[in-house]
Amino acid sequence: VPEADGCSHLARHPGRHAFEVQTQEYPGQETV
């Protein structure tokens, strides 16, 4: 996990800012 990161959207995007920070991969189940 990075201590800091930036929004993954293009500049001047509508809606909320967001960036992916962690993934959980459970065998045989959906990824979180």
Full PDB file with SEQRES, HELIX, SHEET, SSBOND, CRYST1, ORIGX, SCALE, CONECT and MASTER records, all heavy atoms in Angstrom:
SEQRES   1 A   32  VAL PRO GLU ALA ASP GLY CYS SER HIS LEU ALA ARG HIS          
SEQRES   2 A   32  PRO GLY ARG HIS ALA PHE GLU VAL GLN THR GLN GLU TYR          
SEQRES   3 A   32  PRO GLY GLN GLU THR VAL                                      
CRYST1    1.000    1.000    1.000  90.00  90.00  90.00 P 1           1          
ORIGX1      1.000000  0.000000  0.000000        0.00000                         
ORIGX2      0.000000  1.000000  0.000000        0.00000                         
ORIGX3      0.000000  0.000000  1.000000        0.00000                         
SCALE1      1.000000  0.000000  0.000000        0.00000                         
SCALE2      0.000000  1.000000  0.000000        0.00000                         
SCALE3      0.000000  0.000000  1.000000        0.00000                         
ATOM      1  N   VAL A   1       0.838  -1.193   0.000  1.00  0.00           N  
ATOM      2  CA  VAL A   1       0.000   0.000   0.000  1.00  0.00           C  
ATOM      3  C   VAL A   1       0.875   1.246   0.000  1.00  0.00           C  
ATOM      4  O   VAL A   1       1.745   1.394   0.857  1.00  0.00           O  
ATOM      5  CB  VAL A   1      -0.946   0.002   1.223  1.00  0.00           C  
ATOM      6  CG1 VAL A   1      -1.770   1.265   1.271  1.00  0.00           C  
ATOM      7  CG2 VAL A   1      -1.840  -1.229   1.188  1.00  0.00           C  
ATOM      8  N   PRO A   2       0.641   2.164  -0.948  1.00  0.00           N  
ATOM      9  CA  PRO A   2       1.409   3.414  -0.955  1.00  0.00           C  
ATOM     10  C   PRO A   2       0.909   4.350   0.144  1.00  0.00           C  
ATOM     11  O   PRO A   2      -0.267   4.341   0.489  1.00  0.00           O  
ATOM     12  CB  PRO A   2       1.096   4.005  -2.335  1.00  0.00           C  
ATOM     13  CG  PRO A   2      -0.269   3.481  -2.642  1.00  0.00           C  
ATOM     14  CD  PRO A   2      -0.325   2.107  -2.033  1.00  0.00           C  
ATOM     15  N   GLU A   3       1.810   5.153   0.710  1.00  0.00           N  
ATOM     16  CA  GLU A   3       1.392   6.138   1.710  1.00  0.00           C  
ATOM     17  C   GLU A   3       0.544   7.230   1.070  1.00  0.00           C  
ATOM     18  O   GLU A   3      -0.324   7.801   1.707  1.00  0.00           O  
ATOM     19  CB  GLU A   3       2.601   6.770   2.377  1.00  0.00           C  
ATOM     20  CG  GLU A   3       3.298   5.861   3.351  1.00  0.00           C  
ATOM     21  CD  GLU A   3       4.440   6.553   4.067  1.00  0.00           C  
ATOM     22  OE1 GLU A   3       4.495   7.794   4.075  1.00  0.00           O  
ATOM     23  OE2 GLU A   3       5.281   5.839   4.615  1.00  0.00           O  
ATOM     24  N   ALA A   4       0.846   7.528  -0.181  1.00  0.00           N  
ATOM     25  CA  ALA A   4       0.101   8.573  -0.888  1.00  0.00           C  
ATOM     26  C   ALA A   4      -0.054   8.165  -2.344  1.00  0.00           C  
ATOM     27  O   ALA A   4       0.801   7.484  -2.898  1.00  0.00           O  
ATOM     28  CB  ALA A   4       0.834   9.904  -0.803  1.00  0.00           C  
ATOM     29  N   ASP A   5      -1.166   8.587  -2.935  1.00  0.00           N  
ATOM     30  CA  ASP A   5      -1.384   8.312  -4.351  1.00  0.00           C  
ATOM     31  C   ASP A   5      -2.387   9.323  -4.875  1.00  0.00           C  
ATOM     32  O   ASP A   5      -3.065  10.006  -4.112  1.00  0.00           O  
ATOM     33  CB  ASP A   5      -1.883   6.894  -4.575  1.00  0.00           C  
ATOM     34  CG  ASP A   5      -1.487   6.343  -5.939  1.00  0.00           C  
ATOM     35  OD1 ASP A   5      -1.087   7.139  -6.826  1.00  0.00           O  
ATOM     36  OD2 ASP A   5      -1.581   5.128  -6.136  1.00  0.00           O  
ATOM     37  N   GLY A   6      -2.462   9.393  -6.189  1.00  0.00           N  
ATOM     38  CA  GLY A   6      -3.348  10.359  -6.822  1.00  0.00           C  
ATOM     39  C   GLY A   6      -4.537   9.711  -7.484  1.00  0.00           C  
ATOM     40  O   GLY A   6      -4.554   8.514  -7.755  1.00  0.00           O  
ATOM     41  N   CYS A   7      -5.514  10.539  -7.764  1.00  0.00           N  
ATOM     42  CA  CYS A   7      -6.736  10.118  -8.426  1.00  0.00           C  
ATOM     43  C   CYS A   7      -6.403   9.486  -9.781  1.00  0.00           C  
ATOM     44  O   CYS A   7      -5.562   9.985 -10.522  1.00  0.00           O  
ATOM     45  CB  CYS A   7      -7.640  11.334  -8.603  1.00  0.00           C  
ATOM     46  SG  CYS A   7      -9.191  10.986  -9.453  1.00  0.00           S  
ATOM     47  N   SER A   8      -7.085   8.392 -10.092  1.00  0.00           N  
ATOM     48  CA  SER A   8      -6.835   7.658 -11.337  1.00  0.00           C  
ATOM     49  C   SER A   8      -7.640   8.177 -12.525  1.00  0.00           C  
ATOM     50  O   SER A   8      -7.468   7.690 -13.643  1.00  0.00           O  
ATOM     51  CB  SER A   8      -7.148   6.173 -11.138  1.00  0.00           C  
ATOM     52  OG  SER A   8      -6.297   5.619 -10.173  1.00  0.00           O  
ATOM     53  N   HIS A   9      -8.514   9.136 -12.300  1.00  0.00           N  
ATOM     54  CA  HIS A   9      -9.325   9.707 -13.378  1.00  0.00           C  
ATOM     55  C   HIS A   9      -8.509  10.669 -14.242  1.00  0.00           C  
ATOM     56  O   HIS A   9      -7.449  11.144 -13.838  1.00  0.00           O  
ATOM     57  CB  HIS A   9     -10.497  10.508 -12.796  1.00  0.00           C  
ATOM     58  CG  HIS A   9     -11.633   9.682 -12.307  1.00  0.00           C  
ATOM     59  ND1 HIS A   9     -12.612   9.202 -13.126  1.00  0.00           N  
ATOM     60  CD2 HIS A   9     -11.955   9.258 -11.060  1.00  0.00           C  
ATOM     61  CE1 HIS A   9     -13.493   8.529 -12.427  1.00  0.00           C  
ATOM     62  NE2 HIS A   9     -13.117   8.541 -11.158  1.00  0.00           N  
ATOM     63  N   LEU A  10      -9.069  10.984 -15.397  1.00  0.00           N  
ATOM     64  CA  LEU A  10      -8.504  12.044 -16.222  1.00  0.00           C  
ATOM     65  C   LEU A  10      -8.788  13.398 -15.580  1.00  0.00           C  
ATOM     66  O   LEU A  10      -9.741  13.547 -14.803  1.00  0.00           O  
ATOM     67  CB  LEU A  10      -9.126  12.008 -17.621  1.00  0.00           C  
ATOM     68  CG  LEU A  10      -8.758  10.812 -18.495  1.00  0.00           C  
ATOM     69  CD1 LEU A  10      -9.561  10.832 -19.785  1.00  0.00           C  
ATOM     70  CD2 LEU A  10      -7.265  10.795 -18.796  1.00  0.00           C  
ATOM     71  N   ALA A  11      -7.989  14.386 -15.915  1.00  0.00           N  
ATOM     72  CA  ALA A  11      -8.202  15.743 -15.407  1.00  0.00           C  
ATOM     73  C   ALA A  11      -9.604  16.236 -15.758  1.00  0.00           C  
ATOM     74  O   ALA A  11     -10.164  15.849 -16.783  1.00  0.00           O  
ATOM     75  CB  ALA A  11      -7.153  16.679 -16.001  1.00  0.00           C  
ATOM     76  N   ARG A  12     -10.168  17.035 -14.887  1.00  0.00           N  
ATOM     77  CA  ARG A  12     -11.485  17.664 -15.070  1.00  0.00           C  
ATOM     78  C   ARG A  12     -12.607  16.633 -15.201  1.00  0.00           C  
ATOM     79  O   ARG A  12     -13.595  16.864 -15.886  1.00  0.00           O  
ATOM     80  CB  ARG A  12     -11.471  18.621 -16.261  1.00  0.00           C  
ATOM     81  CG  ARG A  12     -10.477  19.770 -16.080  1.00  0.00           C  
ATOM     82  CD  ARG A  12     -10.446  20.706 -17.268  1.00  0.00           C  
ATOM     83  NE  ARG A  12     -10.129  20.109 -18.537  1.00  0.00           N  
ATOM     84  CZ  ARG A  12      -8.919  19.775 -18.956  1.00  0.00           C  
ATOM     85  NH1 ARG A  12      -7.881  19.968 -18.183  1.00  0.00           N  
ATOM     86  NH2 ARG A  12      -8.733  19.257 -20.148  1.00  0.00           N  
ATOM     87  N   HIS A  13     -12.481  15.508 -14.522  1.00  0.00           N  
ATOM     88  CA  HIS A  13     -13.500  14.455 -14.580  1.00  0.00           C  
ATOM     89  C   HIS A  13     -14.706  14.822 -13.726  1.00  0.00           C  
ATOM     90  O   HIS A  13     -14.583  15.554 -12.746  1.00  0.00           O  
ATOM     91  CB  HIS A  13     -12.915  13.128 -14.096  1.00  0.00           C  
ATOM     92  CG  HIS A  13     -12.504  13.155 -12.649  1.00  0.00           C  
ATOM     93  ND1 HIS A  13     -13.362  12.848 -11.624  1.00  0.00           N  
ATOM     94  CD2 HIS A  13     -11.310  13.471 -12.069  1.00  0.00           C  
ATOM     95  CE1 HIS A  13     -12.729  12.964 -10.469  1.00  0.00           C  
ATOM     96  NE2 HIS A  13     -11.473  13.342 -10.708  1.00  0.00           N  
ATOM     97  N   PRO A  14     -15.873  14.267 -14.062  1.00  0.00           N  
ATOM     98  CA  PRO A  14     -17.037  14.440 -13.186  1.00  0.00           C  
ATOM     99  C   PRO A  14     -16.975  13.429 -12.044  1.00  0.00           C  
ATOM    100  O   PRO A  14     -16.289  12.410 -12.132  1.00  0.00           O  
ATOM    101  CB  PRO A  14     -18.220  14.131 -14.115  1.00  0.00           C  
ATOM    102  CG  PRO A  14     -17.658  13.159 -15.102  1.00  0.00           C  
ATOM    103  CD  PRO A  14     -16.210  13.563 -15.306  1.00  0.00           C  
ATOM    104  N   GLY A  15     -17.693  13.681 -10.971  1.00  0.00           N  
ATOM    105  CA  GLY A  15     -17.822  12.708  -9.892  1.00  0.00           C  
ATOM    106  C   GLY A  15     -16.666  12.709  -8.914  1.00  0.00           C  
ATOM    107  O   GLY A  15     -15.828  13.609  -8.898  1.00  0.00           O  
ATOM    108  N   ARG A  16     -16.641  11.662  -8.099  1.00  0.00           N  
ATOM    109  CA  ARG A  16     -15.679  11.540  -7.016  1.00  0.00           C  
ATOM    110  C   ARG A  16     -14.282  11.187  -7.532  1.00  0.00           C  
ATOM    111  O   ARG A  16     -14.133  10.525  -8.550  1.00  0.00           O  
ATOM    112  CB  ARG A  16     -16.130  10.459  -6.042  1.00  0.00           C  
ATOM    113  CG  ARG A  16     -17.496  10.735  -5.428  1.00  0.00           C  
ATOM    114  CD  ARG A  16     -17.867   9.711  -4.406  1.00  0.00           C  
ATOM    115  NE  ARG A  16     -17.314  10.171  -3.130  1.00  0.00           N  
ATOM    116  CZ  ARG A  16     -17.321   9.454  -2.017  1.00  0.00           C  
ATOM    117  NH1 ARG A  16     -17.843   8.253  -2.009  1.00  0.00           N  
ATOM    118  NH2 ARG A  16     -16.811   9.936  -0.902  1.00  0.00           N  
ATOM    119  N   HIS A  17     -13.276  11.598  -6.770  1.00  0.00           N  
ATOM    120  CA  HIS A  17     -11.899  11.170  -7.011  1.00  0.00           C  
ATOM    121  C   HIS A  17     -11.748   9.741  -6.483  1.00  0.00           C  
ATOM    122  O   HIS A  17     -12.442   9.355  -5.537  1.00  0.00           O  
ATOM    123  CB  HIS A  17     -10.911  12.068  -6.266  1.00  0.00           C  
ATOM    124  CG  HIS A  17     -10.971  13.505  -6.660  1.00  0.00           C  
ATOM    125  ND1 HIS A  17     -10.561  13.967  -7.885  1.00  0.00           N  
ATOM    126  CD2 HIS A  17     -11.410  14.592  -5.973  1.00  0.00           C  
ATOM    127  CE1 HIS A  17     -10.723  15.282  -7.936  1.00  0.00           C  
ATOM    128  NE2 HIS A  17     -11.242  15.684  -6.790  1.00  0.00           N  
ATOM    129  N   ALA A  18     -10.841   8.957  -7.068  1.00  0.00           N  
ATOM    130  CA  ALA A  18     -10.659   7.581  -6.610  1.00  0.00           C  
ATOM    131  C   ALA A  18      -9.316   7.021  -7.059  1.00  0.00           C  
ATOM    132  O   ALA A  18      -8.817   7.369  -8.121  1.00  0.00           O  
ATOM    133  CB  ALA A  18     -11.776   6.692  -7.159  1.00  0.00           C  
ATOM    134  N   PHE A  19      -8.748   6.163  -6.210  1.00  0.00           N  
ATOM    135  CA  PHE A  19      -7.635   5.315  -6.640  1.00  0.00           C  
ATOM    136  C   PHE A  19      -7.695   3.993  -5.892  1.00  0.00           C  
ATOM    137  O   PHE A  19      -8.143   3.923  -4.748  1.00  0.00           O  
ATOM    138  CB  PHE A  19      -6.265   5.992  -6.488  1.00  0.00           C  
ATOM    139  CG  PHE A  19      -5.811   6.275  -5.076  1.00  0.00           C  
ATOM    140  CD1 PHE A  19      -5.121   5.326  -4.344  1.00  0.00           C  
ATOM    141  CD2 PHE A  19      -6.043   7.511  -4.506  1.00  0.00           C  
ATOM    142  CE1 PHE A  19      -4.681   5.594  -3.057  1.00  0.00           C  
ATOM    143  CE2 PHE A  19      -5.608   7.803  -3.225  1.00  0.00           C  
ATOM    144  CZ  PHE A  19      -4.922   6.839  -2.495  1.00  0.00           C  
ATOM    145  N   GLU A  20      -7.270   2.939  -6.567  1.00  0.00           N  
ATOM    146  CA  GLU A  20      -7.247   1.598  -5.978  1.00  0.00           C  
ATOM    147  C   GLU A  20      -6.083   1.507  -5.003  1.00  0.00           C  
ATOM    148  O   GLU A  20      -4.972   1.944  -5.311  1.00  0.00           O  
ATOM    149  CB  GLU A  20      -7.082   0.555  -7.080  1.00  0.00           C  
ATOM    150  CG  GLU A  20      -7.089  -0.860  -6.581  1.00  0.00           C  
ATOM    151  CD  GLU A  20      -6.918  -1.869  -7.698  1.00  0.00           C  
ATOM    152  OE1 GLU A  20      -7.388  -1.612  -8.817  1.00  0.00           O  
ATOM    153  OE2 GLU A  20      -6.309  -2.920  -7.427  1.00  0.00           O  
ATOM    154  N   VAL A  21      -6.350   0.937  -3.825  1.00  0.00           N  
ATOM    155  CA  VAL A  21      -5.311   0.916  -2.801  1.00  0.00           C  
ATOM    156  C   VAL A  21      -4.945  -0.500  -2.340  1.00  0.00           C  
ATOM    157  O   VAL A  21      -3.832  -0.725  -1.891  1.00  0.00           O  
ATOM    158  CB  VAL A  21      -5.707   1.831  -1.615  1.00  0.00           C  
ATOM    159  CG1 VAL A  21      -6.859   1.259  -0.830  1.00  0.00           C  
ATOM    160  CG2 VAL A  21      -4.542   2.150  -0.729  1.00  0.00           C  
ATOM    161  N   GLN A  22      -5.864  -1.469  -2.462  1.00  0.00           N  
ATOM    162  CA  GLN A  22      -5.550  -2.833  -2.037  1.00  0.00           C  
ATOM    163  C   GLN A  22      -6.493  -3.823  -2.720  1.00  0.00           C  
ATOM    164  O   GLN A  22      -7.629  -3.469  -3.060  1.00  0.00           O  
ATOM    165  CB  GLN A  22      -5.676  -2.968  -0.522  1.00  0.00           C  
ATOM    166  CG  GLN A  22      -5.271  -4.298   0.067  1.00  0.00           C  
ATOM    167  CD  GLN A  22      -3.845  -4.707  -0.256  1.00  0.00           C  
ATOM    168  OE1 GLN A  22      -3.573  -5.190  -1.352  1.00  0.00           O  
ATOM    169  NE2 GLN A  22      -2.938  -4.511   0.685  1.00  0.00           N  
ATOM    170  N   THR A  23      -6.009  -5.039  -2.902  1.00  0.00           N  
ATOM    171  CA  THR A  23      -6.803  -6.127  -3.469  1.00  0.00           C  
ATOM    172  C   THR A  23      -6.672  -7.344  -2.571  1.00  0.00           C  
ATOM    173  O   THR A  23      -5.575  -7.660  -2.116  1.00  0.00           O  
ATOM    174  CB  THR A  23      -6.303  -6.471  -4.896  1.00  0.00           C  
ATOM    175  OG1 THR A  23      -6.378  -5.297  -5.697  1.00  0.00           O  
ATOM    176  CG2 THR A  23      -7.137  -7.564  -5.521  1.00  0.00           C  
ATOM    177  N   GLN A  24      -7.791  -7.993  -2.326  1.00  0.00           N  
ATOM    178  CA  GLN A  24      -7.798  -9.258  -1.593  1.00  0.00           C  
ATOM    179  C   GLN A  24      -8.235 -10.343  -2.568  1.00  0.00           C  
ATOM    180  O   GLN A  24      -9.303 -10.252  -3.158  1.00  0.00           O  
ATOM    181  CB  GLN A  24      -8.775  -9.204  -0.420  1.00  0.00           C  
ATOM    182  CG  GLN A  24      -8.366  -8.268   0.698  1.00  0.00           C  
ATOM    183  CD  GLN A  24      -9.463  -8.188   1.734  1.00  0.00           C  
ATOM    184  OE1 GLN A  24     -10.402  -7.427   1.545  1.00  0.00           O  
ATOM    185  NE2 GLN A  24      -9.344  -8.955   2.807  1.00  0.00           N  
ATOM    186  N   GLU A  25      -7.406 -11.358  -2.735  1.00  0.00           N  
ATOM    187  CA  GLU A  25      -7.723 -12.457  -3.643  1.00  0.00           C  
ATOM    188  C   GLU A  25      -7.913 -13.731  -2.837  1.00  0.00           C  
ATOM    189  O   GLU A  25      -6.947 -14.348  -2.403  1.00  0.00           O  
ATOM    190  CB  GLU A  25      -6.616 -12.614  -4.677  1.00  0.00           C  
ATOM    191  CG  GLU A  25      -6.533 -11.428  -5.627  1.00  0.00           C  
ATOM    192  CD  GLU A  25      -5.490 -11.608  -6.712  1.00  0.00           C  
ATOM    193  OE1 GLU A  25      -4.769 -12.635  -6.714  1.00  0.00           O  
ATOM    194  OE2 GLU A  25      -5.396 -10.706  -7.560  1.00  0.00           O  
ATOM    195  N   TYR A  26      -9.178 -14.079  -2.643  1.00  0.00           N  
ATOM    196  CA  TYR A  26      -9.523 -15.304  -1.923  1.00  0.00           C  
ATOM    197  C   TYR A  26      -9.643 -16.439  -2.946  1.00  0.00           C  
ATOM    198  O   TYR A  26     -10.393 -16.317  -3.906  1.00  0.00           O  
ATOM    199  CB  TYR A  26     -10.860 -15.145  -1.196  1.00  0.00           C  
ATOM    200  CG  TYR A  26     -10.845 -14.128  -0.092  1.00  0.00           C  
ATOM    201  CD1 TYR A  26     -11.320 -12.837  -0.308  1.00  0.00           C  
ATOM    202  CD2 TYR A  26     -10.377 -14.465   1.168  1.00  0.00           C  
ATOM    203  CE1 TYR A  26     -11.311 -11.901   0.717  1.00  0.00           C  
ATOM    204  CE2 TYR A  26     -10.374 -13.540   2.200  1.00  0.00           C  
ATOM    205  CZ  TYR A  26     -10.836 -12.261   1.970  1.00  0.00           C  
ATOM    206  OH  TYR A  26     -10.832 -11.337   2.976  1.00  0.00           O  
ATOM    207  N   PRO A  27      -8.921 -17.539  -2.751  1.00  0.00           N  
ATOM    208  CA  PRO A  27      -9.019 -18.656  -3.695  1.00  0.00           C  
ATOM    209  C   PRO A  27     -10.465 -19.134  -3.851  1.00  0.00           C  
ATOM    210  O   PRO A  27     -11.175 -19.324  -2.874  1.00  0.00           O  
ATOM    211  CB  PRO A  27      -8.144 -19.747  -3.054  1.00  0.00           C  
ATOM    212  CG  PRO A  27      -7.206 -19.003  -2.159  1.00  0.00           C  
ATOM    213  CD  PRO A  27      -7.977 -17.809  -1.664  1.00  0.00           C  
ATOM    214  N   GLY A  28     -10.910 -19.253  -5.090  1.00  0.00           N  
ATOM    215  CA  GLY A  28     -12.245 -19.746  -5.381  1.00  0.00           C  
ATOM    216  C   GLY A  28     -13.364 -18.760  -5.114  1.00  0.00           C  
ATOM    217  O   GLY A  28     -14.534 -19.131  -5.166  1.00  0.00           O  
ATOM    218  N   GLN A  29     -13.032 -17.509  -4.817  1.00  0.00           N  
ATOM    219  CA  GLN A  29     -14.050 -16.493  -4.537  1.00  0.00           C  
ATOM    220  C   GLN A  29     -13.757 -15.234  -5.348  1.00  0.00           C  
ATOM    221  O   GLN A  29     -12.700 -15.095  -5.952  1.00  0.00           O  
ATOM    222  CB  GLN A  29     -14.054 -16.130  -3.049  1.00  0.00           C  
ATOM    223  CG  GLN A  29     -14.388 -17.283  -2.136  1.00  0.00           C  
ATOM    224  CD  GLN A  29     -14.346 -16.842  -0.670  1.00  0.00           C  
ATOM    225  OE1 GLN A  29     -14.554 -15.688  -0.360  1.00  0.00           O  
ATOM    226  NE2 GLN A  29     -14.077 -17.784   0.209  1.00  0.00           N  
ATOM    227  N   GLU A  30     -14.713 -14.307  -5.330  1.00  0.00           N  
ATOM    228  CA  GLU A  30     -14.505 -13.041  -6.021  1.00  0.00           C  
ATOM    229  C   GLU A  30     -13.423 -12.218  -5.339  1.00  0.00           C  
ATOM    230  O   GLU A  30     -13.272 -12.262  -4.118  1.00  0.00           O  
ATOM    231  CB  GLU A  30     -15.797 -12.221  -6.055  1.00  0.00           C  
ATOM    232  CG  GLU A  30     -16.753 -12.660  -7.124  1.00  0.00           C  
ATOM    233  CD  GLU A  30     -17.843 -11.630  -7.361  1.00  0.00           C  
ATOM    234  OE1 GLU A  30     -17.573 -10.423  -7.273  1.00  0.00           O  
ATOM    235  OE2 GLU A  30     -18.968 -12.060  -7.632  1.00  0.00           O  
ATOM    236  N   THR A  31     -12.711 -11.461  -6.127  1.00  0.00           N  
ATOM    237  CA  THR A  31     -11.695 -10.550  -5.618  1.00  0.00           C  
ATOM    238  C   THR A  31     -12.371  -9.343  -4.959  1.00  0.00           C  
ATOM    239  O   THR A  31     -13.386  -8.849  -5.451  1.00  0.00           O  
ATOM    240  CB  THR A  31     -10.797 -10.079  -6.786  1.00  0.00           C  
ATOM    241  OG1 THR A  31     -10.131 -11.228  -7.329  1.00  0.00           O  
ATOM    242  CG2 THR A  31      -9.786  -9.057  -6.343  1.00  0.00           C  
ATOM    243  N   VAL A  32     -11.807  -8.878  -3.852  1.00  0.00           N  
ATOM    244  CA  VAL A  32     -12.285  -7.669  -3.186  1.00  0.00           C  
ATOM    245  C   VAL A  32     -11.257  -6.570  -3.449  1.00  0.00           C  
ATOM    246  O   VAL A  32     -10.067  -6.754  -3.171  1.00  0.00           O  
ATOM    247  CB  VAL A  32     -12.450  -7.880  -1.667  1.00  0.00           C  
ATOM    248  CG1 VAL A  32     -12.887  -6.586  -0.989  1.00  0.00           C  
ATOM    249  CG2 VAL A  32     -13.429  -9.004  -1.386  1.00  0.00           C  
TER     250      VAL A  32                                                      
MASTER        0    0    0    0    0    0    0    6  249    1    0    3          
END                                                                             
